[in-house]
């Protein structure tokens, strides 16, 4: 069983910064894409940013220019640097990772979520 453990959430004032981390437990599978999603109260979970094993990134329009995703493949860890935070960024942030289980089969795992609260 693969576990994703997130850290770095908290309370910050608008305009501030936070850095989220998500580490995948040791496993024998290759990790393909990793990503961050968020879910605000009463809203659906939405994509924030993703990064492939090769380093290609994708961002939601709402966070472009403010958030940066990167990963350390040696540590099976993905990071999300969040700058210029806004109250609308308040949500539970979840990381996920797609693992290559066999040549033809992939599986996606999710972390437990970490709360980010931005006060105005």
PDB file of N, CA and C in Angstrom:
ATOM      1  N   UNK A   1       0.849  -1.186   0.000  1.00  0.00           N
ATOM      2  CA  UNK A   1       0.000   0.000   0.000  1.00  0.00           C
ATOM      3  C   UNK A   1       0.889   1.241   0.000  1.00  0.00           C
ATOM      4  N   UNK A   2       0.610   2.168  -0.883  1.00  0.00           N
ATOM      5  CA  UNK A   2       1.379   3.402  -0.977  1.00  0.00           C
ATOM      6  C   UNK A   2       0.657   4.492  -0.194  1.00  0.00           C
ATOM      7  N   UNK A   3       1.393   5.223   0.591  1.00  0.00           N
ATOM      8  CA  UNK A   3       0.818   6.330   1.352  1.00  0.00           C
ATOM      9  C   UNK A   3       1.442   7.645   0.917  1.00  0.00           C
ATOM     10  N   UNK A   4       0.607   8.661   0.861  1.00  0.00           N
ATOM     11  CA  UNK A   4       1.063  10.017   0.580  1.00  0.00           C
ATOM     12  C   UNK A   4       0.830  10.845   1.837  1.00  0.00           C
ATOM     13  N   UNK A   5       1.870  11.479   2.323  1.00  0.00           N
ATOM     14  CA  UNK A   5       1.780  12.257   3.560  1.00  0.00           C
ATOM     15  C   UNK A   5       2.066  13.714   3.240  1.00  0.00           C
ATOM     16  N   UNK A   6       1.061  14.551   3.487  1.00  0.00           N
ATOM     17  CA  UNK A   6       1.180  15.984   3.201  1.00  0.00           C
ATOM     18  C   UNK A   6       1.545  16.750   4.458  1.00  0.00           C
ATOM     19  N   UNK A   7       2.174  17.887   4.259  1.00  0.00           N
ATOM     20  CA  UNK A   7       2.496  18.784   5.371  1.00  0.00           C
ATOM     21  C   UNK A   7       2.642  20.197   4.837  1.00  0.00           C
ATOM     22  N   UNK A   8       2.603  21.159   5.753  1.00  0.00           N
ATOM     23  CA  UNK A   8       2.863  22.545   5.372  1.00  0.00           C
ATOM     24  C   UNK A   8       1.663  23.454   5.344  1.00  0.00           C
ATOM     25  N   UNK A   9       0.472  22.923   5.555  1.00  0.00           N
ATOM     26  CA  UNK A   9      -0.696  23.789   5.568  1.00  0.00           C
ATOM     27  C   UNK A   9      -0.733  24.656   6.810  1.00  0.00           C
ATOM     28  N   UNK A  10      -1.685  25.584   6.847  1.00  0.00           N
ATOM     29  CA  UNK A  10      -1.811  26.443   8.009  1.00  0.00           C
ATOM     30  C   UNK A  10      -2.617  27.684   7.707  1.00  0.00           C
ATOM     31  N   UNK A  11      -2.510  28.629   8.618  1.00  0.00           N
ATOM     32  CA  UNK A  11      -3.227  29.898   8.513  1.00  0.00           C
ATOM     33  C   UNK A  11      -2.237  30.987   8.131  1.00  0.00           C
ATOM     34  N   UNK A  12      -2.587  31.781   7.141  1.00  0.00           N
ATOM     35  CA  UNK A  12      -1.708  32.843   6.677  1.00  0.00           C
ATOM     36  C   UNK A  12      -2.562  34.033   6.255  1.00  0.00           C
ATOM     37  N   UNK A  13      -2.010  35.211   6.359  1.00  0.00           N
ATOM     38  CA  UNK A  13      -2.723  36.399   5.911  1.00  0.00           C
ATOM     39  C   UNK A  13      -2.634  36.534   4.391  1.00  0.00           C
ATOM     40  N   UNK A  14      -3.601  37.217   3.834  1.00  0.00           N
ATOM     41  CA  UNK A  14      -3.589  37.482   2.396  1.00  0.00           C
ATOM     42  C   UNK A  14      -2.279  38.156   2.005  1.00  0.00           C
ATOM     43  N   UNK A  15      -1.727  37.690   0.887  1.00  0.00           N
ATOM     44  CA  UNK A  15      -0.436  38.188   0.433  1.00  0.00           C
ATOM     45  C   UNK A  15       0.739  37.372   0.920  1.00  0.00           C
ATOM     46  N   UNK A  16       0.485  36.487   1.854  1.00  0.00           N
ATOM     47  CA  UNK A  16       1.547  35.667   2.420  1.00  0.00           C
ATOM     48  C   UNK A  16       1.856  34.443   1.577  1.00  0.00           C
ATOM     49  N   UNK A  17       2.729  33.604   2.108  1.00  0.00           N
ATOM     50  CA  UNK A  17       3.192  32.421   1.386  1.00  0.00           C
ATOM     51  C   UNK A  17       3.141  31.186   2.274  1.00  0.00           C
ATOM     52  N   UNK A  18       2.974  30.060   1.626  1.00  0.00           N
ATOM     53  CA  UNK A  18       3.065  28.752   2.282  1.00  0.00           C
ATOM     54  C   UNK A  18       3.704  27.782   1.305  1.00  0.00           C
ATOM     55  N   UNK A  19       4.347  26.757   1.858  1.00  0.00           N
ATOM     56  CA  UNK A  19       4.912  25.704   1.019  1.00  0.00           C
ATOM     57  C   UNK A  19       4.382  24.368   1.499  1.00  0.00           C
ATOM     58  N   UNK A  20       3.717  23.672   0.608  1.00  0.00           N
ATOM     59  CA  UNK A  20       3.188  22.344   0.918  1.00  0.00           C
ATOM     60  C   UNK A  20       4.166  21.284   0.419  1.00  0.00           C
ATOM     61  N   UNK A  21       4.238  20.199   1.172  1.00  0.00           N
ATOM     62  CA  UNK A  21       5.055  19.057   0.775  1.00  0.00           C
ATOM     63  C   UNK A  21       4.206  17.802   0.801  1.00  0.00           C
ATOM     64  N   UNK A  22       4.525  16.859  -0.046  1.00  0.00           N
ATOM     65  CA  UNK A  22       3.821  15.579  -0.070  1.00  0.00           C
ATOM     66  C   UNK A  22       4.833  14.494  -0.410  1.00  0.00           C
ATOM     67  N   UNK A  23       5.027  13.581   0.523  1.00  0.00           N
ATOM     68  CA  UNK A  23       6.000  12.511   0.333  1.00  0.00           C
ATOM     69  C   UNK A  23       5.286  11.183   0.166  1.00  0.00           C
ATOM     70  N   UNK A  24       5.663  10.455  -0.863  1.00  0.00           N
ATOM     71  CA  UNK A  24       5.127   9.118  -1.085  1.00  0.00           C
ATOM     72  C   UNK A  24       5.989   8.102  -0.346  1.00  0.00           C
ATOM     73  N   UNK A  25       5.338   7.146   0.277  1.00  0.00           N
ATOM     74  CA  UNK A  25       6.086   6.117   0.991  1.00  0.00           C
ATOM     75  C   UNK A  25       6.913   5.296   0.003  1.00  0.00           C
ATOM     76  N   UNK A  26       7.955   4.684   0.529  1.00  0.00           N
ATOM     77  CA  UNK A  26       8.831   3.884  -0.320  1.00  0.00           C
ATOM     78  C   UNK A  26       8.038   2.752  -0.949  1.00  0.00           C
ATOM     79  N   UNK A  27       8.261   2.559  -2.221  1.00  0.00           N
ATOM     80  CA  UNK A  27       7.567   1.495  -2.928  1.00  0.00           C
ATOM     81  C   UNK A  27       8.388   1.118  -4.142  1.00  0.00           C
ATOM     82  N   UNK A  28       7.986   0.037  -4.766  1.00  0.00           N
ATOM     83  CA  UNK A  28       8.795  -0.480  -5.885  1.00  0.00           C
ATOM     84  C   UNK A  28       8.258  -0.032  -7.235  1.00  0.00           C
ATOM     85  N   UNK A  29       7.287   0.867  -7.225  1.00  0.00           N
ATOM     86  CA  UNK A  29       6.675   1.294  -8.471  1.00  0.00           C
ATOM     87  C   UNK A  29       7.211   2.652  -8.914  1.00  0.00           C
ATOM     88  N   UNK A  30       7.202   2.877 -10.203  1.00  0.00           N
ATOM     89  CA  UNK A  30       7.577   4.183 -10.732  1.00  0.00           C
ATOM     90  C   UNK A  30       6.421   5.147 -10.528  1.00  0.00           C
ATOM     91  N   UNK A  31       6.770   6.392 -10.207  1.00  0.00           N
ATOM     92  CA  UNK A  31       5.744   7.419 -10.047  1.00  0.00           C
ATOM     93  C   UNK A  31       5.703   8.253 -11.313  1.00  0.00           C
ATOM     94  N   UNK A  32       4.559   8.301 -11.921  1.00  0.00           N
ATOM     95  CA  UNK A  32       4.383   9.121 -13.120  1.00  0.00           C
ATOM     96  C   UNK A  32       4.086  10.562 -12.689  1.00  0.00           C
ATOM     97  N   UNK A  33       2.922  11.044 -13.008  1.00  0.00           N
ATOM     98  CA  UNK A  33       2.575  12.418 -12.633  1.00  0.00           C
ATOM     99  C   UNK A  33       2.245  12.521 -11.148  1.00  0.00           C
ATOM    100  N   UNK A  34       2.539  13.669 -10.587  1.00  0.00           N
ATOM    101  CA  UNK A  34       2.113  14.021  -9.231  1.00  0.00           C
ATOM    102  C   UNK A  34       1.391  15.353  -9.321  1.00  0.00           C
ATOM    103  N   UNK A  35       0.513  15.597  -8.376  1.00  0.00           N
ATOM    104  CA  UNK A  35      -0.241  16.835  -8.481  1.00  0.00           C
ATOM    105  C   UNK A  35      -0.851  17.284  -7.173  1.00  0.00           C
ATOM    106  N   UNK A  36      -1.362  18.490  -7.220  1.00  0.00           N
ATOM    107  CA  UNK A  36      -2.087  19.080  -6.095  1.00  0.00           C
ATOM    108  C   UNK A  36      -3.489  19.470  -6.553  1.00  0.00           C
ATOM    109  N   UNK A  37      -4.459  19.159  -5.715  1.00  0.00           N
ATOM    110  CA  UNK A  37      -5.845  19.533  -5.935  1.00  0.00           C
ATOM    111  C   UNK A  37      -6.336  20.204  -4.661  1.00  0.00           C
ATOM    112  N   UNK A  38      -7.452  20.911  -4.774  1.00  0.00           N
ATOM    113  CA  UNK A  38      -8.004  21.531  -3.576  1.00  0.00           C
ATOM    114  C   UNK A  38      -9.522  21.474  -3.612  1.00  0.00           C
ATOM    115  N   UNK A  39     -10.088  21.525  -2.406  1.00  0.00           N
ATOM    116  CA  UNK A  39     -11.536  21.501  -2.281  1.00  0.00           C
ATOM    117  C   UNK A  39     -11.949  22.483  -1.208  1.00  0.00           C
ATOM    118  N   UNK A  40     -12.698  23.487  -1.634  1.00  0.00           N
ATOM    119  CA  UNK A  40     -13.230  24.474  -0.702  1.00  0.00           C
ATOM    120  C   UNK A  40     -14.598  24.009  -0.219  1.00  0.00           C
ATOM    121  N   UNK A  41     -15.066  24.493   0.923  1.00  0.00           N
ATOM    122  CA  UNK A  41     -16.377  24.078   1.437  1.00  0.00           C
ATOM    123  C   UNK A  41     -17.475  24.323   0.415  1.00  0.00           C
ATOM    124  N   UNK A  42     -18.272  23.294   0.178  1.00  0.00           N
ATOM    125  CA  UNK A  42     -19.397  23.428  -0.734  1.00  0.00           C
ATOM    126  C   UNK A  42     -19.031  23.402  -2.201  1.00  0.00           C
ATOM    127  N   UNK A  43     -17.764  23.151  -2.499  1.00  0.00           N
ATOM    128  CA  UNK A  43     -17.331  23.140  -3.903  1.00  0.00           C
ATOM    129  C   UNK A  43     -16.709  21.798  -4.251  1.00  0.00           C
ATOM    130  N   UNK A  44     -16.614  21.542  -5.540  1.00  0.00           N
ATOM    131  CA  UNK A  44     -15.986  20.313  -5.998  1.00  0.00           C
ATOM    132  C   UNK A  44     -14.467  20.434  -5.921  1.00  0.00           C
ATOM    133  N   UNK A  45     -13.823  19.290  -5.825  1.00  0.00           N
ATOM    134  CA  UNK A  45     -12.368  19.270  -5.848  1.00  0.00           C
ATOM    135  C   UNK A  45     -11.891  19.732  -7.224  1.00  0.00           C
ATOM    136  N   UNK A  46     -10.863  20.582  -7.229  1.00  0.00           N
ATOM    137  CA  UNK A  46     -10.365  21.122  -8.487  1.00  0.00           C
ATOM    138  C   UNK A  46      -8.855  20.982  -8.571  1.00  0.00           C
ATOM    139  N   UNK A  47      -8.379  20.909  -9.789  1.00  0.00           N
ATOM    140  CA  UNK A  47      -6.949  20.804 -10.025  1.00  0.00           C
ATOM    141  C   UNK A  47      -6.280  22.132  -9.699  1.00  0.00           C
ATOM    142  N   UNK A  48      -5.126  22.038  -9.059  1.00  0.00           N
ATOM    143  CA  UNK A  48      -4.303  23.221  -8.806  1.00  0.00           C
ATOM    144  C   UNK A  48      -3.088  23.199  -9.734  1.00  0.00           C
ATOM    145  N   UNK A  49      -2.335  22.095  -9.676  1.00  0.00           N
ATOM    146  CA  UNK A  49      -1.133  21.989 -10.492  1.00  0.00           C
ATOM    147  C   UNK A  49      -0.715  20.532 -10.576  1.00  0.00           C
ATOM    148  N   UNK A  50      -0.102  20.172 -11.700  1.00  0.00           N
ATOM    149  CA  UNK A  50       0.444  18.831 -11.861  1.00  0.00           C
ATOM    150  C   UNK A  50       1.855  18.921 -12.431  1.00  0.00           C
ATOM    151  N   UNK A  51       2.607  17.850 -12.228  1.00  0.00           N
ATOM    152  CA  UNK A  51       3.964  17.791 -12.757  1.00  0.00           C
ATOM    153  C   UNK A  51       4.261  16.348 -13.145  1.00  0.00           C
ATOM    154  N   UNK A  52       4.819  16.174 -14.337  1.00  0.00           N
ATOM    155  CA  UNK A  52       5.149  14.832 -14.803  1.00  0.00           C
ATOM    156  C   UNK A  52       6.500  14.400 -14.232  1.00  0.00           C
ATOM    157  N   UNK A  53       6.830  13.155 -14.452  1.00  0.00           N
ATOM    158  CA  UNK A  53       8.122  12.660 -13.984  1.00  0.00           C
ATOM    159  C   UNK A  53       9.274  13.381 -14.666  1.00  0.00           C
ATOM    160  N   UNK A  54       9.015  13.897 -15.861  1.00  0.00           N
ATOM    161  CA  UNK A  54      10.038  14.627 -16.588  1.00  0.00           C
ATOM    162  C   UNK A  54      10.105  16.101 -16.261  1.00  0.00           C
ATOM    163  N   UNK A  55       9.161  16.572 -15.445  1.00  0.00           N
ATOM    164  CA  UNK A  55       9.195  17.964 -15.005  1.00  0.00           C
ATOM    165  C   UNK A  55       8.254  18.906 -15.730  1.00  0.00           C
ATOM    166  N   UNK A  56       7.445  18.409 -16.634  1.00  0.00           N
ATOM    167  CA  UNK A  56       6.465  19.266 -17.302  1.00  0.00           C
ATOM    168  C   UNK A  56       5.349  19.609 -16.335  1.00  0.00           C
ATOM    169  N   UNK A  57       4.959  20.873 -16.332  1.00  0.00           N
ATOM    170  CA  UNK A  57       3.977  21.342 -15.359  1.00  0.00           C
ATOM    171  C   UNK A  57       2.714  21.862 -16.025  1.00  0.00           C
ATOM    172  N   UNK A  58       1.642  21.868 -15.228  1.00  0.00           N
ATOM    173  CA  UNK A  58       0.361  22.395 -15.677  1.00  0.00           C
ATOM    174  C   UNK A  58      -0.283  23.068 -14.483  1.00  0.00           C
ATOM    175  N   UNK A  59      -0.865  24.244 -14.693  1.00  0.00           N
ATOM    176  CA  UNK A  59      -1.464  25.000 -13.601  1.00  0.00           C
ATOM    177  C   UNK A  59      -2.885  25.421 -13.932  1.00  0.00           C
ATOM    178  N   UNK A  60      -3.706  25.508 -12.907  1.00  0.00           N
ATOM    179  CA  UNK A  60      -5.003  26.137 -13.057  1.00  0.00           C
ATOM    180  C   UNK A  60      -4.783  27.623 -13.326  1.00  0.00           C
ATOM    181  N   UNK A  61      -5.659  28.202 -14.131  1.00  0.00           N
ATOM    182  CA  UNK A  61      -5.506  29.623 -14.464  1.00  0.00           C
ATOM    183  C   UNK A  61      -5.499  30.501 -13.211  1.00  0.00           C
ATOM    184  N   UNK A  62      -6.254  30.087 -12.215  1.00  0.00           N
ATOM    185  CA  UNK A  62      -6.401  30.909 -11.011  1.00  0.00           C
ATOM    186  C   UNK A  62      -5.119  31.002 -10.180  1.00  0.00           C
ATOM    187  N   UNK A  63      -4.156  30.114 -10.426  1.00  0.00           N
ATOM    188  CA  UNK A  63      -2.933  30.132  -9.612  1.00  0.00           C
ATOM    189  C   UNK A  63      -1.681  30.426 -10.424  1.00  0.00           C
ATOM    190  N   UNK A  64      -1.836  30.544 -11.731  1.00  0.00           N
ATOM    191  CA  UNK A  64      -0.673  30.807 -12.578  1.00  0.00           C
ATOM    192  C   UNK A  64       0.024  32.104 -12.154  1.00  0.00           C
ATOM    193  N   UNK A  65       1.341  32.028 -12.075  1.00  0.00           N
ATOM    194  CA  UNK A  65       2.113  33.193 -11.670  1.00  0.00           C
ATOM    195  C   UNK A  65       2.245  33.358 -10.169  1.00  0.00           C
ATOM    196  N   UNK A  66       1.467  32.602  -9.407  1.00  0.00           N
ATOM    197  CA  UNK A  66       1.533  32.704  -7.938  1.00  0.00           C
ATOM    198  C   UNK A  66       2.028  31.401  -7.296  1.00  0.00           C
ATOM    199  N   UNK A  67       1.661  30.277  -7.865  1.00  0.00           N
ATOM    200  CA  UNK A  67       2.030  28.968  -7.319  1.00  0.00           C
ATOM    201  C   UNK A  67       3.070  28.306  -8.217  1.00  0.00           C
ATOM    202  N   UNK A  68       3.950  27.535  -7.596  1.00  0.00           N
ATOM    203  CA  UNK A  68       4.951  26.773  -8.334  1.00  0.00           C
ATOM    204  C   UNK A  68       4.992  25.346  -7.799  1.00  0.00           C
ATOM    205  N   UNK A  69       4.887  24.396  -8.708  1.00  0.00           N
ATOM    206  CA  UNK A  69       4.982  22.986  -8.332  1.00  0.00           C
ATOM    207  C   UNK A  69       6.339  22.453  -8.764  1.00  0.00           C
ATOM    208  N   UNK A  70       6.963  21.673  -7.904  1.00  0.00           N
ATOM    209  CA  UNK A  70       8.177  20.967  -8.302  1.00  0.00           C
ATOM    210  C   UNK A  70       8.255  19.657  -7.525  1.00  0.00           C
ATOM    211  N   UNK A  71       9.196  18.833  -7.899  1.00  0.00           N
ATOM    212  CA  UNK A  71       9.284  17.511  -7.272  1.00  0.00           C
ATOM    213  C   UNK A  71      10.729  17.080  -7.168  1.00  0.00           C
ATOM    214  N   UNK A  72      10.982  16.243  -6.200  1.00  0.00           N
ATOM    215  CA  UNK A  72      12.289  15.615  -6.006  1.00  0.00           C
ATOM    216  C   UNK A  72      12.078  14.127  -6.213  1.00  0.00           C
ATOM    217  N   UNK A  73      12.443  13.632  -7.380  1.00  0.00           N
ATOM    218  CA  UNK A  73      12.179  12.233  -7.698  1.00  0.00           C
ATOM    219  C   UNK A  73      12.944  11.282  -6.780  1.00  0.00           C
ATOM    220  N   UNK A  74      14.106  11.691  -6.331  1.00  0.00           N
ATOM    221  CA  UNK A  74      14.893  10.831  -5.454  1.00  0.00           C
ATOM    222  C   UNK A  74      14.198  10.635  -4.106  1.00  0.00           C
ATOM    223  N   UNK A  75      13.401  11.623  -3.706  1.00  0.00           N
ATOM    224  CA  UNK A  75      12.699  11.551  -2.420  1.00  0.00           C
ATOM    225  C   UNK A  75      11.222  11.224  -2.584  1.00  0.00           C
ATOM    226  N   UNK A  76      10.783  10.998  -3.821  1.00  0.00           N
ATOM    227  CA  UNK A  76       9.354  10.741  -4.088  1.00  0.00           C
ATOM    228  C   UNK A  76       8.480  11.823  -3.457  1.00  0.00           C
ATOM    229  N   UNK A  77       8.899  13.060  -3.589  1.00  0.00           N
ATOM    230  CA  UNK A  77       8.216  14.167  -2.931  1.00  0.00           C
ATOM    231  C   UNK A  77       7.860  15.245  -3.945  1.00  0.00           C
ATOM    232  N   UNK A  78       6.661  15.794  -3.774  1.00  0.00           N
ATOM    233  CA  UNK A  78       6.210  16.906  -4.596  1.00  0.00           C
ATOM    234  C   UNK A  78       5.935  18.084  -3.675  1.00  0.00           C
ATOM    235  N   UNK A  79       6.232  19.277  -4.164  1.00  0.00           N
ATOM    236  CA  UNK A  79       6.073  20.499  -3.390  1.00  0.00           C
ATOM    237  C   UNK A  79       5.148  21.463  -4.125  1.00  0.00           C
ATOM    238  N   UNK A  80       4.515  22.329  -3.353  1.00  0.00           N
ATOM    239  CA  UNK A  80       3.714  23.402  -3.928  1.00  0.00           C
ATOM    240  C   UNK A  80       4.065  24.679  -3.177  1.00  0.00           C
ATOM    241  N   UNK A  81       4.774  25.571  -3.843  1.00  0.00           N
ATOM    242  CA  UNK A  81       5.088  26.873  -3.273  1.00  0.00           C
ATOM    243  C   UNK A  81       3.967  27.829  -3.642  1.00  0.00           C
ATOM    244  N   UNK A  82       3.326  28.387  -2.629  1.00  0.00           N
ATOM    245  CA  UNK A  82       2.175  29.261  -2.851  1.00  0.00           C
ATOM    246  C   UNK A  82       2.517  30.661  -2.368  1.00  0.00           C
ATOM    247  N   UNK A  83       2.556  31.590  -3.286  1.00  0.00           N
ATOM    248  CA  UNK A  83       2.844  32.991  -2.971  1.00  0.00           C
ATOM    249  C   UNK A  83       1.632  33.864  -3.274  1.00  0.00           C
ATOM    250  N   UNK A  84       1.650  35.062  -2.737  1.00  0.00           N
ATOM    251  CA  UNK A  84       0.560  36.022  -2.975  1.00  0.00           C
ATOM    252  C   UNK A  84      -0.800  35.379  -2.734  1.00  0.00           C
ATOM    253  N   UNK A  85      -0.911  34.708  -1.625  1.00  0.00           N
ATOM    254  CA  UNK A  85      -2.140  33.980  -1.330  1.00  0.00           C
ATOM    255  C   UNK A  85      -3.326  34.916  -1.161  1.00  0.00           C
ATOM    256  N   UNK A  86      -4.483  34.412  -1.590  1.00  0.00           N
ATOM    257  CA  UNK A  86      -5.732  35.167  -1.523  1.00  0.00           C
ATOM    258  C   UNK A  86      -6.731  34.389  -0.665  1.00  0.00           C
ATOM    259  N   UNK A  87      -7.711  35.066  -0.102  1.00  0.00           N
ATOM    260  CA  UNK A  87      -8.731  34.342   0.677  1.00  0.00           C
ATOM    261  C   UNK A  87      -9.412  33.236  -0.119  1.00  0.00           C
ATOM    262  N   UNK A  88      -9.556  33.433  -1.415  1.00  0.00           N
ATOM    263  CA  UNK A  88     -10.196  32.401  -2.237  1.00  0.00           C
ATOM    264  C   UNK A  88      -9.332  31.165  -2.442  1.00  0.00           C
ATOM    265  N   UNK A  89      -8.100  31.202  -1.988  1.00  0.00           N
ATOM    266  CA  UNK A  89      -7.254  30.009  -2.020  1.00  0.00           C
ATOM    267  C   UNK A  89      -7.524  29.093  -0.823  1.00  0.00           C
ATOM    268  N   UNK A  90      -8.349  29.555   0.097  1.00  0.00           N
ATOM    269  CA  UNK A  90      -8.675  28.746   1.268  1.00  0.00           C
ATOM    270  C   UNK A  90      -9.369  27.457   0.849  1.00  0.00           C
ATOM    271  N   UNK A  91      -8.814  26.338   1.286  1.00  0.00           N
ATOM    272  CA  UNK A  91      -9.347  25.021   0.905  1.00  0.00           C
ATOM    273  C   UNK A  91      -8.531  23.942   1.608  1.00  0.00           C
ATOM    274  N   UNK A  92      -9.010  22.729   1.491  1.00  0.00           N
ATOM    275  CA  UNK A  92      -8.189  21.567   1.841  1.00  0.00           C
ATOM    276  C   UNK A  92      -7.431  21.171   0.585  1.00  0.00           C
ATOM    277  N   UNK A  93      -6.121  21.071   0.711  1.00  0.00           N
ATOM    278  CA  UNK A  93      -5.267  20.737  -0.417  1.00  0.00           C
ATOM    279  C   UNK A  93      -4.867  19.261  -0.337  1.00  0.00           C
ATOM    280  N   UNK A  94      -5.043  18.574  -1.448  1.00  0.00           N
ATOM    281  CA  UNK A  94      -4.735  17.152  -1.538  1.00  0.00           C
ATOM    282  C   UNK A  94      -3.643  16.928  -2.591  1.00  0.00           C
ATOM    283  N   UNK A  95      -2.715  16.068  -2.280  1.00  0.00           N
ATOM    284  CA  UNK A  95      -1.775  15.676  -3.317  1.00  0.00           C
ATOM    285  C   UNK A  95      -2.173  14.313  -3.858  1.00  0.00           C
ATOM    286  N   UNK A  96      -1.768  14.047  -5.071  1.00  0.00           N
ATOM    287  CA  UNK A  96      -1.964  12.714  -5.609  1.00  0.00           C
ATOM    288  C   UNK A  96      -0.754  12.306  -6.420  1.00  0.00           C
ATOM    289  N   UNK A  97      -0.690  11.009  -6.671  1.00  0.00           N
ATOM    290  CA  UNK A  97       0.417  10.457  -7.433  1.00  0.00           C
ATOM    291  C   UNK A  97      -0.086   9.279  -8.243  1.00  0.00           C
ATOM    292  N   UNK A  98       0.322   9.238  -9.479  1.00  0.00           N
ATOM    293  CA  UNK A  98      -0.036   8.116 -10.352  1.00  0.00           C
ATOM    294  C   UNK A  98       1.156   7.161 -10.404  1.00  0.00           C
ATOM    295  N   UNK A  99       0.921   5.926  -9.999  1.00  0.00           N
ATOM    296  CA  UNK A  99       1.981   4.935  -9.982  1.00  0.00           C
ATOM    297  C   UNK A  99       1.798   3.937 -11.116  1.00  0.00           C
ATOM    298  N   UNK A 100       2.892   3.552 -11.712  1.00  0.00           N
ATOM    299  CA  UNK A 100       2.878   2.540 -12.764  1.00  0.00           C
ATOM    300  C   UNK A 100       3.006   1.178 -12.087  1.00  0.00           C
ATOM    301  N   UNK A 101       1.890   0.477 -11.970  1.00  0.00           N
ATOM    302  CA  UNK A 101       1.862  -0.788 -11.241  1.00  0.00           C
ATOM    303  C   UNK A 101       2.400  -1.920 -12.117  1.00  0.00           C
ATOM    304  N   UNK A 102       1.921  -1.992 -13.337  1.00  0.00           N
ATOM    305  CA  UNK A 102       2.448  -2.921 -14.329  1.00  0.00           C
ATOM    306  C   UNK A 102       2.629  -2.132 -15.618  1.00  0.00           C
ATOM    307  N   UNK A 103       3.085  -2.785 -16.646  1.00  0.00           N
ATOM    308  CA  UNK A 103       3.280  -2.090 -17.918  1.00  0.00           C
ATOM    309  C   UNK A 103       1.984  -1.466 -18.410  1.00  0.00           C
ATOM    310  N   UNK A 104       0.885  -2.152 -18.169  1.00  0.00           N
ATOM    311  CA  UNK A 104      -0.402  -1.704 -18.707  1.00  0.00           C
ATOM    312  C   UNK A 104      -1.328  -1.094 -17.663  1.00  0.00           C
ATOM    313  N   UNK A 105      -0.955  -1.123 -16.401  1.00  0.00           N
ATOM    314  CA  UNK A 105      -1.873  -0.708 -15.339  1.00  0.00           C
ATOM    315  C   UNK A 105      -1.266   0.385 -14.483  1.00  0.00           C
ATOM    316  N   UNK A 106      -2.058   1.466 -14.315  1.00  0.00           N
ATOM    317  CA  UNK A 106      -1.660   2.566 -13.448  1.00  0.00           C
ATOM    318  C   UNK A 106      -2.692   2.714 -12.341  1.00  0.00           C
ATOM    319  N   UNK A 107      -2.260   3.254 -11.223  1.00  0.00           N
ATOM    320  CA  UNK A 107      -3.197   3.517 -10.138  1.00  0.00           C
ATOM    321  C   UNK A 107      -2.864   4.866  -9.517  1.00  0.00           C
ATOM    322  N   UNK A 108      -3.901   5.570  -9.092  1.00  0.00           N
ATOM    323  CA  UNK A 108      -3.720   6.896  -8.498  1.00  0.00           C
ATOM    324  C   UNK A 108      -3.994   6.836  -7.012  1.00  0.00           C
ATOM    325  N   UNK A 109      -3.104   7.442  -6.243  1.00  0.00           N
ATOM    326  CA  UNK A 109      -3.234   7.482  -4.786  1.00  0.00           C
ATOM    327  C   UNK A 109      -3.388   8.938  -4.344  1.00  0.00           C
ATOM    328  N   UNK A 110      -4.085   9.114  -3.213  1.00  0.00           N
ATOM    329  CA  UNK A 110      -4.358  10.442  -2.681  1.00  0.00           C
ATOM    330  C   UNK A 110      -3.845  10.557  -1.256  1.00  0.00           C
ATOM    331  N   UNK A 111      -3.421  11.769  -0.914  1.00  0.00           N
ATOM    332  CA  UNK A 111      -3.077  12.064   0.459  1.00  0.00           C
ATOM    333  C   UNK A 111      -4.328  12.369   1.265  1.00  0.00           C
ATOM    334  N   UNK A 112      -4.133  12.612   2.557  1.00  0.00           N
ATOM    335  CA  UNK A 112      -5.263  12.824   3.450  1.00  0.00           C
ATOM    336  C   UNK A 112      -5.756  14.261   3.433  1.00  0.00           C
ATOM    337  N   UNK A 113      -4.979  15.152   2.864  1.00  0.00           N
ATOM    338  CA  UNK A 113      -5.373  16.552   2.775  1.00  0.00           C
ATOM    339  C   UNK A 113      -4.762  17.393   3.875  1.00  0.00           C
ATOM    340  N   UNK A 114      -4.483  18.644   3.536  1.00  0.00           N
ATOM    341  CA  UNK A 114      -3.969  19.591   4.521  1.00  0.00           C
ATOM    342  C   UNK A 114      -4.707  20.918   4.337  1.00  0.00           C
ATOM    343  N   UNK A 115      -5.119  21.503   5.450  1.00  0.00           N
ATOM    344  CA  UNK A 115      -5.932  22.717   5.394  1.00  0.00           C
ATOM    345  C   UNK A 115      -5.057  23.945   5.163  1.00  0.00           C
ATOM    346  N   UNK A 116      -5.476  24.760   4.223  1.00  0.00           N
ATOM    347  CA  UNK A 116      -4.861  26.068   3.996  1.00  0.00           C
ATOM    348  C   UNK A 116      -5.949  27.116   4.180  1.00  0.00           C
ATOM    349  N   UNK A 117      -5.708  28.044   5.088  1.00  0.00           N
ATOM    350  CA  UNK A 117      -6.673  29.097   5.357  1.00  0.00           C
ATOM    351  C   UNK A 117      -5.977  30.450   5.169  1.00  0.00           C
ATOM    352  N   UNK A 118      -6.559  31.283   4.322  1.00  0.00           N
ATOM    353  CA  UNK A 118      -5.996  32.605   4.048  1.00  0.00           C
ATOM    354  C   UNK A 118      -6.966  33.649   4.567  1.00  0.00           C
ATOM    355  N   UNK A 119      -6.522  34.430   5.508  1.00  0.00           N
ATOM    356  CA  UNK A 119      -7.383  35.457   6.098  1.00  0.00           C
ATOM    357  C   UNK A 119      -7.207  36.784   5.358  1.00  0.00           C
ATOM    358  N   UNK A 120      -8.291  37.539   5.315  1.00  0.00           N
ATOM    359  CA  UNK A 120      -8.254  38.826   4.592  1.00  0.00           C
ATOM    360  C   UNK A 120      -7.827  39.966   5.504  1.00  0.00           C
TER     361      UNK A 120
END
